[in-house]
Amino acid sequence: MSAPPRALPGIPARHRTMALLVAGGATLRITAALAYQPALLLQRDTYHYLDQAHNLGHPGGRPLLYPALLKVVLAVAPLQAVPAIQHLAGIGLAIGLYVLALRCGFPATPAALG
C-alpha cells in the first residue's frame, strides 16, 4: 500500500498554512495588477513621491526613504515596475513576519494567521 499523496509536495507540513496564504495573496495581487493596467496614479501622494524622487534634496515634508528607493527603481526600470516591486515587497514582508513569529516561539499556524 502506498502512502497518500501530499497536498503540497516539497513543503513541510508545518509551513503548509503559510504556503497556502502566500499563494492566495500572490494570486490576489497578480489579479489586481492585471486588472489595473497600466498602474493608476490616483492619489495625490503618488505625484508628491515621484516629484520628491526626482528632487531628493528638496524638502517635501515626508520621509526620504521611499522617494530614494523610487529613484533607484526608476533609474533601472520603468514606472510600471513600481507596483510589481511593491507587491513583491508586501509578500516578502508577510514571509519575514512569519519567520520572525516562528523564531519568537509561536506555533506555525497562528504565526501564519498572524
Protein backbone atom coordinates (compact mmCIF):
# COMPACT_ATOMS: atom_id res chain seq x y z
CA MET A 1 0.00 0.00 0.00
CA SER A 2 1.47 3.35 -0.98
CA ALA A 3 1.41 6.49 1.11
CA PRO A 4 -1.30 9.04 0.35
CA PRO A 5 -0.17 11.89 -1.91
CA ARG A 6 0.95 15.02 -0.13
CA ALA A 7 -1.16 18.12 -0.70
CA LEU A 8 1.84 20.39 -1.27
CA PRO A 9 4.87 18.35 -2.32
CA GLY A 10 8.18 19.73 -1.14
CA ILE A 11 6.68 21.94 1.57
CA PRO A 12 6.93 20.64 5.14
CA ALA A 13 3.55 20.13 6.79
CA ARG A 14 4.42 22.76 9.40
CA HIS A 15 4.54 25.50 6.75
CA ARG A 16 1.59 24.48 4.56
CA THR A 17 -0.82 27.04 6.04
CA MET A 18 1.61 29.85 5.31
CA ALA A 19 2.34 28.49 1.83
CA LEU A 20 -1.39 28.47 1.02
CA LEU A 21 -1.83 32.00 2.39
CA VAL A 22 1.15 33.30 0.39
CA ALA A 23 -0.16 31.60 -2.76
CA GLY A 24 -3.61 33.11 -2.20
CA GLY A 25 -2.14 36.54 -1.53
CA ALA A 26 0.07 36.35 -4.60
CA THR A 27 -2.93 35.33 -6.70
CA LEU A 28 -4.94 38.32 -5.45
CA ARG A 29 -2.01 40.69 -6.06
CA ILE A 30 -1.48 39.36 -9.60
CA THR A 31 -5.20 39.69 -10.32
CA ALA A 32 -5.23 43.29 -9.06
CA ALA A 33 -2.10 44.15 -11.03
CA LEU A 34 -3.59 42.75 -14.23
CA ALA A 35 -6.92 44.49 -13.63
CA TYR A 36 -5.28 47.91 -13.30
CA GLN A 37 -3.04 48.06 -16.36
CA PRO A 38 -1.26 50.40 -16.51
CA ALA A 39 -0.89 51.26 -12.86
CA LEU A 40 -3.23 54.09 -11.97
CA LEU A 41 -1.90 57.29 -10.47
CA LEU A 42 -4.99 58.11 -8.43
CA GLN A 43 -3.58 59.51 -5.22
CA ARG A 44 -2.03 62.93 -4.74
CA ASP A 45 0.66 61.16 -2.70
CA THR A 46 1.81 59.41 -5.85
CA TYR A 47 2.72 62.64 -7.58
CA HIS A 48 4.35 64.01 -4.44
CA TYR A 49 6.58 60.94 -4.03
CA LEU A 50 7.51 60.91 -7.72
CA ASP A 51 8.41 64.60 -7.54
CA GLN A 52 10.43 64.02 -4.37
CA ALA A 53 12.21 61.07 -6.05
CA HIS A 54 13.37 63.39 -8.83
CA ASN A 55 14.37 66.15 -6.38
CA LEU A 56 15.80 64.29 -3.37
CA GLY A 57 17.40 67.42 -1.91
CA HIS A 58 14.07 69.23 -1.97
CA PRO A 59 12.41 69.12 1.48
CA GLY A 60 9.00 67.60 0.94
CA GLY A 61 7.79 67.19 4.49
CA ARG A 62 7.84 63.42 4.15
CA PRO A 63 10.45 60.78 4.92
CA LEU A 64 13.10 60.39 2.22
CA LEU A 65 13.49 56.59 2.22
CA TYR A 66 10.60 55.78 -0.13
CA PRO A 67 11.46 58.52 -2.64
CA ALA A 68 15.11 57.37 -2.52
CA LEU A 69 14.01 53.80 -3.29
CA LEU A 70 11.78 55.11 -6.08
CA LYS A 71 14.73 56.99 -7.56
CA VAL A 72 16.79 53.77 -7.64
CA VAL A 73 13.94 51.74 -9.16
CA LEU A 74 13.15 54.40 -11.77
CA ALA A 75 16.82 54.56 -12.74
CA VAL A 76 16.77 50.91 -13.82
CA ALA A 77 13.11 50.17 -14.60
CA PRO A 78 10.01 51.91 -15.95
CA LEU A 79 7.29 53.34 -13.72
CA GLN A 80 5.15 50.26 -14.43
CA ALA A 81 7.65 48.15 -12.45
CA VAL A 82 6.94 50.04 -9.21
CA PRO A 83 3.61 48.30 -8.41
CA ALA A 84 5.16 44.88 -9.11
CA ILE A 85 8.02 45.68 -6.74
CA GLN A 86 5.53 46.89 -4.13
CA HIS A 87 3.58 43.62 -4.46
CA LEU A 88 6.77 41.59 -4.04
CA ALA A 89 7.73 43.69 -1.02
CA GLY A 90 4.32 43.04 0.55
CA ILE A 91 4.65 39.29 0.10
CA GLY A 92 8.25 39.40 1.35
CA LEU A 93 7.14 41.34 4.43
CA ALA A 94 4.47 38.74 5.20
CA ILE A 95 7.03 35.94 4.93
CA GLY A 96 9.51 37.87 7.07
CA LEU A 97 6.93 38.42 9.80
CA TYR A 98 6.03 34.74 9.68
CA VAL A 99 9.69 33.75 10.15
CA LEU A 100 10.04 36.27 12.99
CA ALA A 101 6.95 34.88 14.73
CA LEU A 102 8.34 31.34 14.40
CA ARG A 103 11.67 32.42 15.87
CA CYS A 104 9.82 34.07 18.76
CA GLY A 105 8.27 30.70 19.56
CA PHE A 106 4.79 30.97 18.06
CA PRO A 107 3.31 27.81 16.56
CA ALA A 108 3.27 27.78 12.75
CA THR A 109 -0.47 28.16 12.15
CA PRO A 110 -1.02 31.14 14.50
CA ALA A 111 2.17 32.69 13.09
CA ALA A 112 0.80 32.31 9.56
CA LEU A 113 -2.53 33.83 10.52
CA GLY A 114 -0.65 36.47 12.49
